[in-house]
Amino acid sequence: MIDDVTKRKNSQGLSWVLAHVAGVLSSTGFPTGTRAALKRMEPAHALPLTFYAFSLKHLPEGWERNPGDWATIVSAMAIMAPAIYRADTGLGKALARNGYSEARLERLLAAEGDTLRTLFLRAARFLASKQQPFNWTDAGQLFLFRDSKGLERLRLKIARDFYLNQNQ
């Protein structure tokens, strides 16, 4: 029997899944030891069983096709807990309003694979230090979209949000 959360996460879009995961990780009832294990994950290395247990409960079907990307997203959210998700603040806006450097953003948006994962986890630590939550849709798409034209439009959107919100 499939539970209601499983039905919803598989029928809803990426935005719903990311908001759900953020809600779970930021919940006061979520085990601190599990959150700590998820924070420590290194997506380029062997993933802990904690990640697989979490993924089977909270990620959509097919997550296992991109385990390193999902591990990066989950780890970054765990790093930022409890201030993870804010619907009205995109990634570019969150970075700009907290003094993230243009050079670091340029490297982040140009990166791929393990380099992207490493730089994104650094950006998450930066935002966590500022207690700045954001809407994870752009971040999720950055990792999970495979269409090169779509990725280029996404990178442009993040950069536009960054530059429109600098010095505010």
C-alpha atoms as a PDB file:
ATOM      1  CA  MET A   1       0.000   0.000   0.000  1.00  0.00           C
ATOM      2  CA  ILE A   2       1.338   3.438  -0.985  1.00  0.00           C
ATOM      3  CA  ASP A   3       0.994   6.157   1.638  1.00  0.00           C
ATOM      4  CA  ASP A   4      -0.322   9.673   0.946  1.00  0.00           C
ATOM      5  CA  VAL A   5       3.135  11.317   0.961  1.00  0.00           C
ATOM      6  CA  THR A   6       4.422   8.824  -1.630  1.00  0.00           C
ATOM      7  CA  LYS A   7       1.392   9.498  -3.844  1.00  0.00           C
ATOM      8  CA  ARG A   8       1.853  13.265  -3.568  1.00  0.00           C
ATOM      9  CA  LYS A   9       5.616  13.333  -4.101  1.00  0.00           C
ATOM     10  CA  ASN A  10       5.290  11.272  -7.270  1.00  0.00           C
ATOM     11  CA  SER A  11       2.368  13.257  -8.668  1.00  0.00           C
ATOM     12  CA  GLN A  12       3.561  16.764  -7.736  1.00  0.00           C
ATOM     13  CA  GLY A  13       6.298  18.723  -9.412  1.00  0.00           C
ATOM     14  CA  LEU A  14       9.853  19.299  -8.349  1.00  0.00           C
ATOM     15  CA  SER A  15       8.920  22.434  -6.396  1.00  0.00           C
ATOM     16  CA  TRP A  16       6.548  20.473  -4.156  1.00  0.00           C
ATOM     17  CA  VAL A  17       9.134  17.740  -3.550  1.00  0.00           C
ATOM     18  CA  LEU A  18      11.812  20.278  -2.609  1.00  0.00           C
ATOM     19  CA  ALA A  19       9.460  22.141  -0.266  1.00  0.00           C
ATOM     20  CA  HIS A  20       8.452  18.814   1.304  1.00  0.00           C
ATOM     21  CA  VAL A  21      12.081  17.753   1.851  1.00  0.00           C
ATOM     22  CA  ALA A  22      12.909  21.166   3.330  1.00  0.00           C
ATOM     23  CA  GLY A  23       9.932  20.866   5.662  1.00  0.00           C
ATOM     24  CA  VAL A  24      10.981  17.428   6.841  1.00  0.00           C
ATOM     25  CA  LEU A  25      14.606  18.442   7.437  1.00  0.00           C
ATOM     26  CA  SER A  26      13.674  21.650   9.267  1.00  0.00           C
ATOM     27  CA  SER A  27      11.093  19.973  11.479  1.00  0.00           C
ATOM     28  CA  THR A  28      11.860  20.045  15.196  1.00  0.00           C
ATOM     29  CA  GLY A  29      10.803  16.390  15.311  1.00  0.00           C
ATOM     30  CA  PHE A  30      13.410  15.291  12.762  1.00  0.00           C
ATOM     31  CA  PRO A  31      16.204  13.298  14.464  1.00  0.00           C
ATOM     32  CA  THR A  32      19.294  15.465  14.970  1.00  0.00           C
ATOM     33  CA  GLY A  33      21.630  12.510  14.431  1.00  0.00           C
ATOM     34  CA  THR A  34      20.064  11.798  11.037  1.00  0.00           C
ATOM     35  CA  ARG A  35      20.296  15.473  10.070  1.00  0.00           C
ATOM     36  CA  ALA A  36      23.959  15.520  11.121  1.00  0.00           C
ATOM     37  CA  ALA A  37      24.705  12.434   9.007  1.00  0.00           C
ATOM     38  CA  LEU A  38      23.011  14.054   6.003  1.00  0.00           C
ATOM     39  CA  LYS A  39      25.039  17.266   6.541  1.00  0.00           C
ATOM     40  CA  ARG A  40      28.294  15.305   6.467  1.00  0.00           C
ATOM     41  CA  MET A  41      27.583  13.522   3.185  1.00  0.00           C
ATOM     42  CA  GLU A  42      30.091  13.904   0.393  1.00  0.00           C
ATOM     43  CA  PRO A  43      28.184  13.138  -2.825  1.00  0.00           C
ATOM     44  CA  ALA A  44      31.383  12.165  -4.692  1.00  0.00           C
ATOM     45  CA  HIS A  45      31.975   9.359  -2.149  1.00  0.00           C
ATOM     46  CA  ALA A  46      29.941   6.382  -0.986  1.00  0.00           C
ATOM     47  CA  LEU A  47      26.626   7.574   0.383  1.00  0.00           C
ATOM     48  CA  PRO A  48      25.555   6.539   3.897  1.00  0.00           C
ATOM     49  CA  LEU A  49      22.585   4.260   4.528  1.00  0.00           C
ATOM     50  CA  THR A  50      20.958   7.238   6.251  1.00  0.00           C
ATOM     51  CA  PHE A  51      20.631   8.918   2.845  1.00  0.00           C
ATOM     52  CA  TYR A  52      19.016   5.852   1.274  1.00  0.00           C
ATOM     53  CA  ALA A  53      16.545   5.499   4.128  1.00  0.00           C
ATOM     54  CA  PHE A  54      15.649   9.193   3.853  1.00  0.00           C
ATOM     55  CA  SER A  55      15.386   9.024   0.055  1.00  0.00           C
ATOM     56  CA  LEU A  56      13.019   6.071   0.022  1.00  0.00           C
ATOM     57  CA  LYS A  57      10.632   7.991   2.284  1.00  0.00           C
ATOM     58  CA  HIS A  58      10.883  11.513   0.896  1.00  0.00           C
ATOM     59  CA  LEU A  59      12.244  11.644  -2.669  1.00  0.00           C
ATOM     60  CA  PRO A  60      10.246  10.956  -5.841  1.00  0.00           C
ATOM     61  CA  GLU A  61      10.431   7.742  -7.825  1.00  0.00           C
ATOM     62  CA  GLY A  62      13.513   7.714 -10.030  1.00  0.00           C
ATOM     63  CA  TRP A  63      15.747   9.602  -7.579  1.00  0.00           C
ATOM     64  CA  GLU A  64      18.237   6.735  -7.827  1.00  0.00           C
ATOM     65  CA  ARG A  65      19.075   7.752 -11.424  1.00  0.00           C
ATOM     66  CA  ASN A  66      20.804  10.849  -9.973  1.00  0.00           C
ATOM     67  CA  PRO A  67      21.897   9.859  -6.459  1.00  0.00           C
ATOM     68  CA  GLY A  68      24.836  12.293  -6.299  1.00  0.00           C
ATOM     69  CA  ASP A  69      22.656  15.216  -7.341  1.00  0.00           C
ATOM     70  CA  TRP A  70      19.902  14.352  -4.861  1.00  0.00           C
ATOM     71  CA  ALA A  71      22.514  13.747  -2.149  1.00  0.00           C
ATOM     72  CA  THR A  72      23.898  17.235  -2.778  1.00  0.00           C
ATOM     73  CA  ILE A  73      20.439  18.792  -2.517  1.00  0.00           C
ATOM     74  CA  VAL A  74      19.574  16.887   0.676  1.00  0.00           C
ATOM     75  CA  SER A  75      22.973  17.573   2.239  1.00  0.00           C
ATOM     76  CA  ALA A  76      22.758  21.294   1.422  1.00  0.00           C
ATOM     77  CA  MET A  77      19.278  21.485   2.942  1.00  0.00           C
ATOM     78  CA  ALA A  78      20.492  19.687   6.074  1.00  0.00           C
ATOM     79  CA  ILE A  79      23.376  22.167   6.304  1.00  0.00           C
ATOM     80  CA  MET A  80      20.905  25.059   6.158  1.00  0.00           C
ATOM     81  CA  ALA A  81      18.403  23.626   8.654  1.00  0.00           C
ATOM     82  CA  PRO A  82      16.293  24.998  10.179  1.00  0.00           C
ATOM     83  CA  ALA A  83      16.291  28.080   7.862  1.00  0.00           C
ATOM     84  CA  ILE A  84      15.949  26.179   4.576  1.00  0.00           C
ATOM     85  CA  TYR A  85      12.980  27.280   2.502  1.00  0.00           C
ATOM     86  CA  ARG A  86      11.442  30.649   1.661  1.00  0.00           C
ATOM     87  CA  ALA A  87       9.075  30.681  -1.314  1.00  0.00           C
ATOM     88  CA  ASP A  88       9.563  34.334  -2.297  1.00  0.00           C
ATOM     89  CA  THR A  89      13.384  34.334  -2.419  1.00  0.00           C
ATOM     90  CA  GLY A  90      15.194  32.755  -5.366  1.00  0.00           C
ATOM     91  CA  LEU A  91      18.761  31.460  -5.188  1.00  0.00           C
ATOM     92  CA  GLY A  92      20.262  34.454  -7.018  1.00  0.00           C
ATOM     93  CA  LYS A  93      18.398  36.921  -4.809  1.00  0.00           C
ATOM     94  CA  ALA A  94      19.447  35.119  -1.609  1.00  0.00           C
ATOM     95  CA  LEU A  95      23.094  35.111  -2.642  1.00  0.00           C
ATOM     96  CA  ALA A  96      23.091  38.764  -3.753  1.00  0.00           C
ATOM     97  CA  ARG A  97      21.383  40.106  -0.647  1.00  0.00           C
ATOM     98  CA  ASN A  98      23.963  38.435   1.567  1.00  0.00           C
ATOM     99  CA  GLY A  99      27.113  39.612  -0.182  1.00  0.00           C
ATOM    100  CA  TYR A 100      28.053  36.520  -2.186  1.00  0.00           C
ATOM    101  CA  SER A 101      30.778  37.554  -4.610  1.00  0.00           C
ATOM    102  CA  GLU A 102      30.248  37.832  -8.338  1.00  0.00           C
ATOM    103  CA  ALA A 103      33.348  35.686  -8.945  1.00  0.00           C
ATOM    104  CA  ARG A 104      31.983  32.875  -6.765  1.00  0.00           C
ATOM    105  CA  LEU A 105      28.625  33.024  -8.550  1.00  0.00           C
ATOM    106  CA  GLU A 106      30.374  32.878 -11.917  1.00  0.00           C
ATOM    107  CA  ARG A 107      32.292  29.750 -10.893  1.00  0.00           C
ATOM    108  CA  LEU A 108      29.118  28.165  -9.478  1.00  0.00           C
ATOM    109  CA  LEU A 109      27.070  28.775 -12.623  1.00  0.00           C
ATOM    110  CA  ALA A 110      29.843  27.562 -14.938  1.00  0.00           C
ATOM    111  CA  ALA A 111      30.507  24.366 -12.967  1.00  0.00           C
ATOM    112  CA  GLU A 112      29.295  20.858 -13.733  1.00  0.00           C
ATOM    113  CA  GLY A 113      29.410  17.459 -12.032  1.00  0.00           C
ATOM    114  CA  ASP A 114      31.440  17.109  -8.839  1.00  0.00           C
ATOM    115  CA  THR A 115      32.725  20.683  -9.087  1.00  0.00           C
ATOM    116  CA  LEU A 116      29.146  21.997  -9.140  1.00  0.00           C
ATOM    117  CA  ARG A 117      28.285  19.810  -6.156  1.00  0.00           C
ATOM    118  CA  THR A 118      31.269  21.101  -4.165  1.00  0.00           C
ATOM    119  CA  LEU A 119      30.643  24.750  -5.011  1.00  0.00           C
ATOM    120  CA  PHE A 120      26.935  24.469  -4.269  1.00  0.00           C
ATOM    121  CA  LEU A 121      27.588  22.938  -0.843  1.00  0.00           C
ATOM    122  CA  ARG A 122      29.898  25.901  -0.148  1.00  0.00           C
ATOM    123  CA  ALA A 123      27.141  28.297  -1.227  1.00  0.00           C
ATOM    124  CA  ALA A 124      24.724  26.485   1.116  1.00  0.00           C
ATOM    125  CA  ARG A 125      27.181  26.888   3.998  1.00  0.00           C
ATOM    126  CA  PHE A 126      27.490  30.573   3.134  1.00  0.00           C
ATOM    127  CA  LEU A 127      23.699  31.041   3.193  1.00  0.00           C
ATOM    128  CA  ALA A 128      23.400  28.960   6.362  1.00  0.00           C
ATOM    129  CA  SER A 129      25.882  31.267   8.089  1.00  0.00           C
ATOM    130  CA  LYS A 130      23.598  34.178   7.148  1.00  0.00           C
ATOM    131  CA  GLN A 131      20.446  32.219   8.116  1.00  0.00           C
ATOM    132  CA  GLN A 132      19.080  32.951   4.624  1.00  0.00           C
ATOM    133  CA  PRO A 133      16.508  30.459   3.342  1.00  0.00           C
ATOM    134  CA  PHE A 134      15.486  30.452  -0.321  1.00  0.00           C
ATOM    135  CA  ASN A 135      13.174  28.791  -2.814  1.00  0.00           C
ATOM    136  CA  TRP A 136      14.953  25.595  -3.869  1.00  0.00           C
ATOM    137  CA  THR A 137      13.323  25.222  -7.288  1.00  0.00           C
ATOM    138  CA  ASP A 138      16.247  26.877  -9.117  1.00  0.00           C
ATOM    139  CA  ALA A 139      18.774  24.779  -7.193  1.00  0.00           C
ATOM    140  CA  GLY A 140      16.871  21.566  -7.878  1.00  0.00           C
ATOM    141  CA  GLN A 141      16.662  22.357 -11.575  1.00  0.00           C
ATOM    142  CA  LEU A 142      20.373  23.233 -11.655  1.00  0.00           C
ATOM    143  CA  PHE A 143      21.129  19.675 -10.615  1.00  0.00           C
ATOM    144  CA  LEU A 144      18.330  17.692 -12.192  1.00  0.00           C
ATOM    145  CA  PHE A 145      17.682  19.278 -15.597  1.00  0.00           C
ATOM    146  CA  ARG A 146      19.610  17.677 -18.451  1.00  0.00           C
ATOM    147  CA  ASP A 147      18.489  19.959 -21.297  1.00  0.00           C
ATOM    148  CA  SER A 148      21.431  22.260 -22.168  1.00  0.00           C
ATOM    149  CA  LYS A 149      19.210  25.110 -23.432  1.00  0.00           C
ATOM    150  CA  GLY A 150      17.013  24.855 -20.352  1.00  0.00           C
ATOM    151  CA  LEU A 151      20.094  24.892 -18.108  1.00  0.00           C
ATOM    152  CA  GLU A 152      21.427  27.977 -19.875  1.00  0.00           C
ATOM    153  CA  ARG A 153      18.078  29.775 -19.345  1.00  0.00           C
ATOM    154  CA  LEU A 154      18.164  28.727 -15.681  1.00  0.00           C
ATOM    155  CA  ARG A 155      21.711  30.030 -15.221  1.00  0.00           C
ATOM    156  CA  LEU A 156      20.654  33.308 -16.831  1.00  0.00           C
ATOM    157  CA  LYS A 157      17.646  33.523 -14.467  1.00  0.00           C
ATOM    158  CA  ILE A 158      19.840  32.959 -11.404  1.00  0.00           C
ATOM    159  CA  ALA A 159      22.361  35.554 -12.637  1.00  0.00           C
ATOM    160  CA  ARG A 160      19.575  38.062 -13.418  1.00  0.00           C
ATOM    161  CA  ASP A 161      18.103  37.603  -9.934  1.00  0.00           C
ATOM    162  CA  PHE A 162      21.578  38.079  -8.468  1.00  0.00           C
ATOM    163  CA  TYR A 163      22.317  41.311 -10.333  1.00  0.00           C
ATOM    164  CA  LEU A 164      18.844  42.794  -9.805  1.00  0.00           C
ATOM    165  CA  ASN A 165      19.208  42.295  -6.043  1.00  0.00           C
ATOM    166  CA  GLN A 166      22.772  43.367  -5.424  1.00  0.00           C
ATOM    167  CA  ASN A 167      23.258  46.189  -2.909  1.00  0.00           C
ATOM    168  CA  GLN A 168      19.675  46.030  -1.638  1.00  0.00           C
END
